[in-house]
């Protein structure tokens, strides 16, 4: 949900919770908040990517993770990841979410905002039916990693900056 009614828990750089703040203020002020990312692969090793809806407040219309989900106040990373899979893609039967490393502090700056997230990433496998939420997701597709790498090299501006960074960090493009 975009807009001013969604509240995020905010944190200082040491991880101490500061309180709740509306989403638009969190992004405008560059406050630290939590999120979970999920890389969904099918049994053929292809990555599910989503194109963000055209009215998203950040990086509208760009290609992104399978799921990127801001956490609700008090929610843990795995619960947020599972909620995101359900809400954004209609995936409700994941056998296992495998953590990719530990919690990370990630800062992405642009001319319009500073996005500061405390993140946990996961991977999973899924071959079932997808039901993308059109409010959140404009399009989804599975893509082979070699094809994705060629596309990113040819048109890096088609993708969110955090997606490009994380694919490299987690060695998916090696």
N, C-alpha and C. Protein backbone atom coordinates (compact mmCIF):
# COMPACT_ATOMS: atom_id res chain seq x y z
N UNK A 1 0.85 -1.18 0.00
CA UNK A 1 0.00 0.00 0.00
C UNK A 1 0.88 1.23 0.00
N UNK A 2 0.73 2.13 -0.95
CA UNK A 2 1.46 3.38 -0.99
C UNK A 2 0.63 4.45 -0.31
N UNK A 3 1.31 5.54 0.04
CA UNK A 3 0.58 6.65 0.63
C UNK A 3 0.94 6.88 2.06
N UNK A 4 0.28 7.83 2.69
CA UNK A 4 0.64 8.29 4.01
C UNK A 4 0.07 7.50 5.16
N UNK A 5 -0.80 6.53 4.92
CA UNK A 5 -1.43 5.82 6.03
C UNK A 5 -0.62 4.62 6.51
N UNK A 6 0.28 4.13 5.71
CA UNK A 6 1.09 2.97 6.10
C UNK A 6 2.20 3.45 7.04
N UNK A 7 2.28 2.82 8.23
CA UNK A 7 3.29 3.21 9.21
C UNK A 7 4.43 2.21 9.24
N UNK A 8 5.66 2.72 9.31
CA UNK A 8 6.85 1.89 9.43
C UNK A 8 7.50 2.13 10.78
N UNK A 9 8.04 1.08 11.37
CA UNK A 9 8.92 1.24 12.53
C UNK A 9 10.23 1.81 12.01
N UNK A 10 10.77 2.81 12.71
CA UNK A 10 12.03 3.43 12.30
C UNK A 10 13.10 3.16 13.35
N UNK A 11 14.36 3.22 12.92
CA UNK A 11 15.48 2.81 13.76
C UNK A 11 16.63 3.79 13.62
N UNK A 12 17.47 3.86 14.69
CA UNK A 12 18.71 4.61 14.56
C UNK A 12 19.77 3.66 14.00
N UNK A 13 20.97 4.17 13.75
CA UNK A 13 22.01 3.38 13.10
C UNK A 13 22.50 2.22 13.97
N UNK A 14 22.22 2.26 15.27
CA UNK A 14 22.62 1.15 16.13
C UNK A 14 21.54 0.06 16.21
N UNK A 15 20.39 0.29 15.54
CA UNK A 15 19.32 -0.70 15.54
C UNK A 15 18.26 -0.49 16.60
N UNK A 16 18.37 0.59 17.36
CA UNK A 16 17.38 0.89 18.40
C UNK A 16 16.14 1.49 17.74
N UNK A 17 14.97 0.93 18.08
CA UNK A 17 13.73 1.42 17.49
C UNK A 17 13.41 2.81 18.01
N UNK A 18 13.05 3.70 17.07
CA UNK A 18 12.75 5.09 17.41
C UNK A 18 11.27 5.37 17.50
N UNK A 19 10.44 4.61 16.80
CA UNK A 19 9.01 4.84 16.80
C UNK A 19 8.44 4.65 15.41
N UNK A 20 7.16 4.96 15.26
CA UNK A 20 6.46 4.77 13.99
C UNK A 20 6.43 6.08 13.21
N UNK A 21 6.47 5.94 11.89
CA UNK A 21 6.44 7.11 11.02
C UNK A 21 5.73 6.71 9.72
N UNK A 22 4.94 7.63 9.13
CA UNK A 22 4.28 7.31 7.86
C UNK A 22 5.29 7.02 6.75
N UNK A 23 4.92 6.10 5.88
CA UNK A 23 5.79 5.66 4.78
C UNK A 23 6.40 6.83 4.01
N UNK A 24 5.57 7.78 3.59
CA UNK A 24 6.08 8.87 2.76
C UNK A 24 7.12 9.70 3.51
N UNK A 25 6.98 9.83 4.81
CA UNK A 25 7.96 10.58 5.61
C UNK A 25 9.25 9.78 5.80
N UNK A 26 9.12 8.47 5.96
CA UNK A 26 10.29 7.61 6.09
C UNK A 26 11.18 7.76 4.86
N UNK A 27 10.59 7.72 3.68
CA UNK A 27 11.37 7.84 2.45
C UNK A 27 11.83 9.28 2.21
N UNK A 28 11.01 10.26 2.56
CA UNK A 28 11.39 11.66 2.36
C UNK A 28 12.57 12.04 3.26
N UNK A 29 12.53 11.57 4.53
CA UNK A 29 13.56 11.91 5.50
C UNK A 29 14.75 10.95 5.49
N UNK A 30 14.64 9.84 4.78
CA UNK A 30 15.72 8.88 4.75
C UNK A 30 15.92 8.16 6.07
N UNK A 31 14.81 7.76 6.70
CA UNK A 31 14.87 7.07 7.99
C UNK A 31 15.10 5.58 7.78
N UNK A 32 15.85 4.97 8.71
CA UNK A 32 16.09 3.52 8.66
C UNK A 32 14.79 2.77 8.97
N UNK A 33 14.48 1.78 8.14
CA UNK A 33 13.29 0.94 8.33
C UNK A 33 13.62 -0.46 7.81
N UNK A 34 12.76 -1.44 8.09
CA UNK A 34 13.07 -2.84 7.77
C UNK A 34 12.31 -3.35 6.55
N UNK A 35 12.97 -4.27 5.85
CA UNK A 35 12.33 -4.89 4.69
C UNK A 35 12.89 -6.29 4.48
N UNK A 36 12.14 -7.09 3.76
CA UNK A 36 12.56 -8.44 3.37
C UNK A 36 12.47 -8.55 1.85
N UNK A 37 13.45 -9.23 1.26
CA UNK A 37 13.47 -9.46 -0.17
C UNK A 37 13.46 -10.97 -0.40
N UNK A 38 12.78 -11.38 -1.46
CA UNK A 38 12.73 -12.80 -1.80
C UNK A 38 13.08 -12.97 -3.27
N UNK A 39 14.03 -13.87 -3.53
CA UNK A 39 14.39 -14.28 -4.87
C UNK A 39 13.73 -15.64 -5.10
N UNK A 40 12.73 -15.68 -5.97
CA UNK A 40 11.99 -16.91 -6.25
C UNK A 40 12.56 -17.51 -7.55
N UNK A 41 13.01 -18.75 -7.46
CA UNK A 41 13.50 -19.48 -8.63
C UNK A 41 12.54 -20.62 -8.94
N UNK A 42 12.43 -20.97 -10.21
CA UNK A 42 11.67 -22.16 -10.55
C UNK A 42 12.63 -23.35 -10.59
N UNK A 43 12.11 -24.54 -10.83
CA UNK A 43 12.93 -25.75 -10.81
C UNK A 43 13.94 -25.80 -11.96
N UNK A 44 13.80 -24.92 -12.94
CA UNK A 44 14.76 -24.83 -14.05
C UNK A 44 15.89 -23.83 -13.75
N UNK A 45 15.83 -23.20 -12.56
CA UNK A 45 16.87 -22.24 -12.19
C UNK A 45 16.63 -20.83 -12.69
N UNK A 46 15.45 -20.58 -13.23
CA UNK A 46 15.13 -19.23 -13.69
C UNK A 46 14.61 -18.39 -12.53
N UNK A 47 14.96 -17.11 -12.54
CA UNK A 47 14.54 -16.18 -11.49
C UNK A 47 13.24 -15.50 -11.88
N UNK A 48 12.31 -15.43 -10.94
CA UNK A 48 11.07 -14.69 -11.13
C UNK A 48 11.35 -13.22 -10.83
N UNK A 49 11.08 -12.35 -11.80
CA UNK A 49 11.23 -10.92 -11.57
C UNK A 49 9.88 -10.26 -11.77
N UNK A 50 9.71 -9.10 -11.13
CA UNK A 50 8.47 -8.36 -11.28
C UNK A 50 8.77 -6.94 -11.71
N UNK A 51 7.88 -6.41 -12.54
CA UNK A 51 7.94 -4.99 -12.90
C UNK A 51 7.00 -4.26 -11.97
N UNK A 52 7.55 -3.26 -11.29
CA UNK A 52 6.79 -2.51 -10.31
C UNK A 52 5.65 -1.75 -10.98
N UNK A 53 4.55 -1.63 -10.27
CA UNK A 53 3.38 -0.91 -10.79
C UNK A 53 3.76 0.53 -11.14
N UNK A 54 3.06 1.13 -12.09
CA UNK A 54 3.43 2.47 -12.56
C UNK A 54 3.20 3.59 -11.55
N UNK A 55 2.46 3.34 -10.49
CA UNK A 55 2.21 4.40 -9.51
C UNK A 55 2.94 4.20 -8.19
N UNK A 56 3.95 3.30 -8.16
CA UNK A 56 4.74 3.10 -6.94
C UNK A 56 5.49 4.40 -6.62
N UNK A 57 5.73 4.65 -5.34
CA UNK A 57 6.39 5.91 -4.96
C UNK A 57 7.89 5.90 -5.26
N UNK A 58 8.50 4.74 -5.34
CA UNK A 58 9.91 4.63 -5.67
C UNK A 58 10.09 3.72 -6.88
N UNK A 59 10.81 4.18 -7.87
CA UNK A 59 11.21 3.38 -9.03
C UNK A 59 10.03 2.70 -9.72
N UNK A 60 8.98 3.46 -9.94
CA UNK A 60 7.78 2.95 -10.61
C UNK A 60 8.13 2.41 -11.99
N UNK A 61 7.54 1.27 -12.33
CA UNK A 61 7.67 0.69 -13.66
C UNK A 61 8.98 -0.02 -13.93
N UNK A 62 9.88 -0.09 -12.95
CA UNK A 62 11.16 -0.76 -13.16
C UNK A 62 11.07 -2.22 -12.72
N UNK A 63 11.96 -3.04 -13.27
CA UNK A 63 12.03 -4.46 -12.91
C UNK A 63 12.77 -4.61 -11.58
N UNK A 64 12.34 -5.61 -10.80
CA UNK A 64 12.79 -5.71 -9.42
C UNK A 64 12.83 -7.18 -8.98
N UNK A 65 13.19 -7.36 -7.70
CA UNK A 65 13.15 -8.67 -7.04
C UNK A 65 11.84 -9.38 -7.33
N UNK A 66 11.81 -10.67 -7.02
CA UNK A 66 10.54 -11.40 -7.05
C UNK A 66 9.57 -10.71 -6.09
N UNK A 67 10.05 -10.44 -4.87
CA UNK A 67 9.26 -9.74 -3.85
C UNK A 67 10.19 -8.87 -3.02
N UNK A 68 9.78 -7.65 -2.79
CA UNK A 68 10.42 -6.77 -1.82
C UNK A 68 9.33 -6.24 -0.92
N UNK A 69 9.42 -6.49 0.36
CA UNK A 69 8.32 -6.17 1.27
C UNK A 69 8.80 -5.39 2.47
N UNK A 70 8.22 -4.21 2.70
CA UNK A 70 8.47 -3.49 3.95
C UNK A 70 7.79 -4.25 5.08
N UNK A 71 8.44 -4.30 6.22
CA UNK A 71 7.87 -5.01 7.36
C UNK A 71 6.88 -4.13 8.11
N UNK A 72 5.85 -4.76 8.61
CA UNK A 72 4.90 -4.07 9.48
C UNK A 72 5.55 -3.93 10.86
N UNK A 73 5.14 -2.94 11.65
CA UNK A 73 5.70 -2.80 12.99
C UNK A 73 5.56 -4.10 13.79
N UNK A 74 6.67 -4.57 14.36
CA UNK A 74 6.68 -5.79 15.17
C UNK A 74 6.80 -7.09 14.38
N UNK A 75 6.75 -7.03 13.06
CA UNK A 75 6.81 -8.22 12.22
C UNK A 75 8.27 -8.66 12.05
N UNK A 76 8.51 -9.98 12.03
CA UNK A 76 9.89 -10.44 11.78
C UNK A 76 10.09 -10.59 10.27
N UNK A 77 11.37 -10.75 9.89
CA UNK A 77 11.72 -10.78 8.47
C UNK A 77 11.03 -11.91 7.71
N UNK A 78 11.05 -13.12 8.26
CA UNK A 78 10.45 -14.25 7.56
C UNK A 78 8.95 -14.05 7.39
N UNK A 79 8.28 -13.57 8.43
CA UNK A 79 6.83 -13.32 8.32
C UNK A 79 6.55 -12.27 7.25
N UNK A 80 7.38 -11.23 7.18
CA UNK A 80 7.21 -10.20 6.15
C UNK A 80 7.43 -10.76 4.75
N UNK A 81 8.44 -11.62 4.61
CA UNK A 81 8.73 -12.23 3.32
C UNK A 81 7.56 -13.11 2.87
N UNK A 82 7.04 -13.93 3.77
CA UNK A 82 5.91 -14.80 3.44
C UNK A 82 4.65 -13.98 3.12
N UNK A 83 4.43 -12.92 3.86
CA UNK A 83 3.29 -12.04 3.59
C UNK A 83 3.43 -11.42 2.20
N UNK A 84 4.63 -10.95 1.87
CA UNK A 84 4.87 -10.36 0.56
C UNK A 84 4.62 -11.34 -0.57
N UNK A 85 5.09 -12.58 -0.40
CA UNK A 85 4.85 -13.61 -1.42
C UNK A 85 3.35 -13.81 -1.63
N UNK A 86 2.60 -13.83 -0.55
CA UNK A 86 1.16 -14.03 -0.63
C UNK A 86 0.45 -12.83 -1.24
N UNK A 87 0.74 -11.64 -0.72
CA UNK A 87 0.03 -10.44 -1.15
C UNK A 87 0.38 -10.03 -2.59
N UNK A 88 1.66 -10.08 -2.94
CA UNK A 88 2.08 -9.59 -4.25
C UNK A 88 1.93 -10.62 -5.36
N UNK A 89 2.16 -11.91 -5.05
CA UNK A 89 2.20 -12.93 -6.10
C UNK A 89 1.21 -14.06 -5.92
N UNK A 90 0.46 -14.08 -4.81
CA UNK A 90 -0.49 -15.15 -4.57
C UNK A 90 0.17 -16.48 -4.23
N UNK A 91 1.44 -16.44 -3.77
CA UNK A 91 2.17 -17.66 -3.40
C UNK A 91 1.96 -17.90 -1.91
N UNK A 92 1.33 -19.04 -1.60
CA UNK A 92 1.02 -19.35 -0.20
C UNK A 92 1.57 -20.69 0.26
N UNK A 93 2.28 -21.40 -0.61
CA UNK A 93 2.74 -22.74 -0.24
C UNK A 93 4.24 -22.93 -0.49
N UNK A 94 5.04 -22.08 0.09
CA UNK A 94 6.50 -22.21 0.00
C UNK A 94 6.96 -23.21 1.06
N UNK A 95 7.76 -24.19 0.64
CA UNK A 95 8.27 -25.18 1.58
C UNK A 95 9.33 -24.62 2.51
N UNK A 96 10.24 -23.81 1.95
CA UNK A 96 11.33 -23.30 2.76
C UNK A 96 11.85 -21.99 2.19
N UNK A 97 12.03 -21.01 3.05
CA UNK A 97 12.73 -19.78 2.70
C UNK A 97 14.16 -19.94 3.21
N UNK A 98 15.12 -19.83 2.32
CA UNK A 98 16.53 -19.96 2.71
C UNK A 98 17.12 -18.56 2.85
N UNK A 99 17.60 -18.19 4.05
CA UNK A 99 18.22 -16.87 4.21
C UNK A 99 19.47 -16.74 3.35
N UNK A 100 19.65 -15.56 2.78
CA UNK A 100 20.86 -15.24 2.03
C UNK A 100 21.69 -14.31 2.91
N UNK A 101 22.65 -14.89 3.63
CA UNK A 101 23.44 -14.09 4.54
C UNK A 101 22.60 -13.64 5.72
N UNK A 102 23.08 -12.60 6.38
CA UNK A 102 22.39 -12.06 7.55
C UNK A 102 21.73 -10.73 7.25
N UNK A 103 21.33 -10.07 8.29
CA UNK A 103 20.72 -8.75 8.19
C UNK A 103 21.74 -7.76 7.62
N UNK A 104 21.28 -6.92 6.69
CA UNK A 104 22.18 -5.95 6.05
C UNK A 104 21.60 -4.54 6.19
N UNK A 105 22.49 -3.56 6.25
CA UNK A 105 22.10 -2.16 6.27
C UNK A 105 22.42 -1.60 4.89
N UNK A 106 21.37 -1.18 4.15
CA UNK A 106 21.54 -0.77 2.76
C UNK A 106 21.00 0.65 2.59
N UNK A 107 21.81 1.48 1.93
CA UNK A 107 21.41 2.87 1.67
C UNK A 107 21.50 3.13 0.17
N UNK A 108 20.39 3.59 -0.41
CA UNK A 108 20.34 3.95 -1.83
C UNK A 108 19.93 5.42 -1.91
N UNK A 109 20.76 6.23 -2.56
CA UNK A 109 20.46 7.65 -2.68
C UNK A 109 20.14 8.00 -4.13
N UNK A 110 19.16 8.88 -4.28
CA UNK A 110 18.85 9.47 -5.58
C UNK A 110 18.64 10.96 -5.35
N UNK A 111 18.35 11.67 -6.41
CA UNK A 111 18.12 13.11 -6.27
C UNK A 111 16.86 13.39 -5.45
N UNK A 112 15.90 12.48 -5.47
CA UNK A 112 14.60 12.72 -4.83
C UNK A 112 14.48 12.17 -3.42
N UNK A 113 15.30 11.19 -3.04
CA UNK A 113 15.12 10.55 -1.74
C UNK A 113 16.38 9.79 -1.32
N UNK A 114 16.39 9.41 -0.04
CA UNK A 114 17.38 8.48 0.48
C UNK A 114 16.60 7.32 1.07
N UNK A 115 16.85 6.12 0.55
CA UNK A 115 16.16 4.93 1.05
C UNK A 115 17.15 4.17 1.92
N UNK A 116 16.87 4.09 3.21
CA UNK A 116 17.73 3.39 4.16
C UNK A 116 16.95 2.22 4.76
N UNK A 117 17.40 1.01 4.41
CA UNK A 117 16.69 -0.18 4.86
C UNK A 117 17.61 -1.14 5.62
N UNK A 118 17.04 -1.74 6.63
CA UNK A 118 17.66 -2.86 7.33
C UNK A 118 16.98 -4.09 6.71
N UNK A 119 17.75 -4.88 5.98
CA UNK A 119 17.16 -5.91 5.13
C UNK A 119 17.60 -7.32 5.51
N UNK A 120 16.74 -8.26 5.16
CA UNK A 120 17.07 -9.68 5.16
C UNK A 120 16.55 -10.24 3.85
N UNK A 121 17.42 -10.92 3.11
CA UNK A 121 17.04 -11.52 1.84
C UNK A 121 16.89 -13.03 1.98
N UNK A 122 16.04 -13.59 1.14
CA UNK A 122 15.77 -15.03 1.12
C UNK A 122 15.71 -15.50 -0.33
N UNK A 123 15.85 -16.82 -0.49
CA UNK A 123 15.57 -17.45 -1.77
C UNK A 123 14.66 -18.63 -1.52
N UNK A 124 13.90 -18.99 -2.56
CA UNK A 124 13.04 -20.16 -2.47
C UNK A 124 12.80 -20.66 -3.89
N UNK A 125 12.18 -21.84 -3.97
CA UNK A 125 11.81 -22.41 -5.26
C UNK A 125 10.30 -22.53 -5.32
N UNK A 126 9.75 -22.21 -6.51
CA UNK A 126 8.31 -22.27 -6.69
C UNK A 126 8.00 -22.49 -8.17
N UNK A 127 7.14 -23.45 -8.45
CA UNK A 127 6.72 -23.75 -9.81
C UNK A 127 5.21 -23.64 -10.01
N UNK A 128 4.53 -23.13 -9.02
CA UNK A 128 3.07 -23.09 -9.10
C UNK A 128 2.52 -21.89 -9.84
N UNK A 129 1.23 -21.71 -9.70
CA UNK A 129 0.50 -20.62 -10.35
C UNK A 129 0.79 -19.31 -9.63
N UNK A 130 0.93 -18.25 -10.40
CA UNK A 130 1.14 -16.90 -9.85
C UNK A 130 -0.13 -16.08 -10.05
N UNK A 131 -0.47 -15.29 -9.05
CA UNK A 131 -1.58 -14.35 -9.15
C UNK A 131 -1.09 -12.99 -8.66
N UNK A 132 -0.45 -12.25 -9.56
CA UNK A 132 0.14 -10.96 -9.20
C UNK A 132 -0.94 -9.93 -8.87
N UNK A 133 -0.70 -9.17 -7.81
CA UNK A 133 -1.59 -8.09 -7.40
C UNK A 133 -1.34 -6.89 -8.32
N UNK A 134 -2.32 -6.50 -9.14
CA UNK A 134 -2.10 -5.41 -10.10
C UNK A 134 -1.85 -4.04 -9.46
N UNK A 135 -2.21 -3.89 -8.20
CA UNK A 135 -1.92 -2.63 -7.50
C UNK A 135 -0.42 -2.51 -7.23
N UNK A 136 0.24 -3.64 -6.99
CA UNK A 136 1.67 -3.65 -6.66
C UNK A 136 2.56 -4.01 -7.85
N UNK A 137 2.05 -4.88 -8.72
CA UNK A 137 2.89 -5.52 -9.74
C UNK A 137 2.28 -5.31 -11.13
N UNK A 138 3.09 -4.74 -12.05
CA UNK A 138 2.61 -4.53 -13.42
C UNK A 138 2.77 -5.78 -14.27
N UNK A 139 3.80 -6.59 -13.97
CA UNK A 139 4.11 -7.74 -14.82
C UNK A 139 5.09 -8.64 -14.07
N UNK A 140 5.04 -9.94 -14.32
CA UNK A 140 6.02 -10.89 -13.78
C UNK A 140 6.50 -11.79 -14.91
N UNK A 141 7.72 -12.29 -14.74
CA UNK A 141 8.25 -13.27 -15.69
C UNK A 141 9.42 -14.00 -15.07
N UNK A 142 9.58 -15.27 -15.48
CA UNK A 142 10.78 -16.03 -15.12
C UNK A 142 11.83 -15.76 -16.20
N UNK A 143 13.08 -15.65 -15.77
CA UNK A 143 14.15 -15.35 -16.71
C UNK A 143 15.42 -16.11 -16.32
N UNK A 144 16.11 -16.65 -17.32
CA UNK A 144 17.39 -17.32 -17.07
C UNK A 144 18.41 -16.27 -16.66
N UNK A 145 19.34 -16.66 -15.79
CA UNK A 145 20.31 -15.69 -15.27
C UNK A 145 21.19 -15.12 -16.38
N UNK A 146 21.58 -15.92 -17.36
CA UNK A 146 22.41 -15.42 -18.47
C UNK A 146 21.65 -14.36 -19.27
N UNK A 147 20.37 -14.59 -19.50
CA UNK A 147 19.54 -13.62 -20.22
C UNK A 147 19.38 -12.33 -19.41
N UNK A 148 19.18 -12.48 -18.09
CA UNK A 148 19.04 -11.32 -17.22
C UNK A 148 20.33 -10.50 -17.22
N UNK A 149 21.48 -11.15 -17.17
CA UNK A 149 22.75 -10.43 -17.16
C UNK A 149 22.92 -9.63 -18.46
N UNK A 150 22.59 -10.23 -19.60
CA UNK A 150 22.68 -9.51 -20.88
C UNK A 150 21.77 -8.29 -20.88
N UNK A 151 20.54 -8.47 -20.39
CA UNK A 151 19.57 -7.38 -20.35
C UNK A 151 20.07 -6.26 -19.44
N UNK A 152 20.58 -6.62 -18.26
CA UNK A 152 21.08 -5.60 -17.33
C UNK A 152 22.26 -4.83 -17.90
N UNK A 153 23.13 -5.53 -18.62
CA UNK A 153 24.27 -4.86 -19.24
C UNK A 153 23.83 -3.91 -20.34
N UNK A 154 22.80 -4.30 -21.09
CA UNK A 154 22.32 -3.48 -22.20
C UNK A 154 21.44 -2.32 -21.75
N UNK A 155 20.65 -2.53 -20.69
CA UNK A 155 19.66 -1.52 -20.25
C UNK A 155 19.57 -1.48 -18.73
N UNK A 156 20.64 -1.06 -18.04
CA UNK A 156 20.62 -1.07 -16.57
C UNK A 156 19.53 -0.21 -15.95
N UNK A 157 19.08 0.82 -16.66
CA UNK A 157 18.04 1.69 -16.13
C UNK A 157 16.65 1.06 -16.15
N UNK A 158 16.52 -0.17 -16.68
CA UNK A 158 15.25 -0.89 -16.63
C UNK A 158 15.00 -1.50 -15.26
N UNK A 159 16.01 -1.46 -14.37
CA UNK A 159 15.96 -2.18 -13.10
C UNK A 159 16.15 -1.24 -11.91
N UNK A 160 15.55 -1.62 -10.78
CA UNK A 160 15.78 -0.84 -9.56
C UNK A 160 17.25 -0.95 -9.17
N UNK A 161 17.82 0.10 -8.58
CA UNK A 161 19.24 0.04 -8.22
C UNK A 161 19.54 -1.02 -7.18
N UNK A 162 18.62 -1.26 -6.26
CA UNK A 162 18.88 -2.27 -5.23
C UNK A 162 18.88 -3.68 -5.80
N UNK A 163 18.07 -3.93 -6.82
CA UNK A 163 18.03 -5.25 -7.46
C UNK A 163 19.37 -5.56 -8.12
N UNK A 164 19.89 -4.61 -8.88
CA UNK A 164 21.18 -4.79 -9.55
C UNK A 164 22.28 -5.06 -8.52
N UNK A 165 22.32 -4.26 -7.47
CA UNK A 165 23.33 -4.40 -6.42
C UNK A 165 23.24 -5.76 -5.75
N UNK A 166 22.02 -6.19 -5.41
CA UNK A 166 21.85 -7.45 -4.68
C UNK A 166 22.15 -8.67 -5.55
N UNK A 167 21.83 -8.62 -6.82
CA UNK A 167 22.18 -9.74 -7.70
C UNK A 167 23.69 -9.96 -7.71
N UNK A 168 24.43 -8.86 -7.70
CA UNK A 168 25.90 -8.96 -7.65
C UNK A 168 26.37 -9.42 -6.27
N UNK A 169 25.82 -8.82 -5.22
CA UNK A 169 26.24 -9.16 -3.86
C UNK A 169 26.02 -10.63 -3.53
N UNK A 170 24.90 -11.19 -3.98
CA UNK A 170 24.58 -12.58 -3.68
C UNK A 170 25.11 -13.53 -4.75
N UNK A 171 25.93 -13.03 -5.67
CA UNK A 171 26.63 -13.81 -6.69
C UNK A 171 25.70 -14.57 -7.62
N UNK A 172 24.50 -14.05 -7.85
CA UNK A 172 23.57 -14.69 -8.78
C UNK A 172 24.02 -14.51 -10.22
N UNK A 173 24.81 -13.48 -10.49
CA UNK A 173 25.23 -13.21 -11.87
C UNK A 173 26.58 -13.80 -12.22
N UNK A 174 27.17 -14.57 -11.31
CA UNK A 174 28.47 -15.19 -11.59
C UNK A 174 28.36 -16.39 -12.49
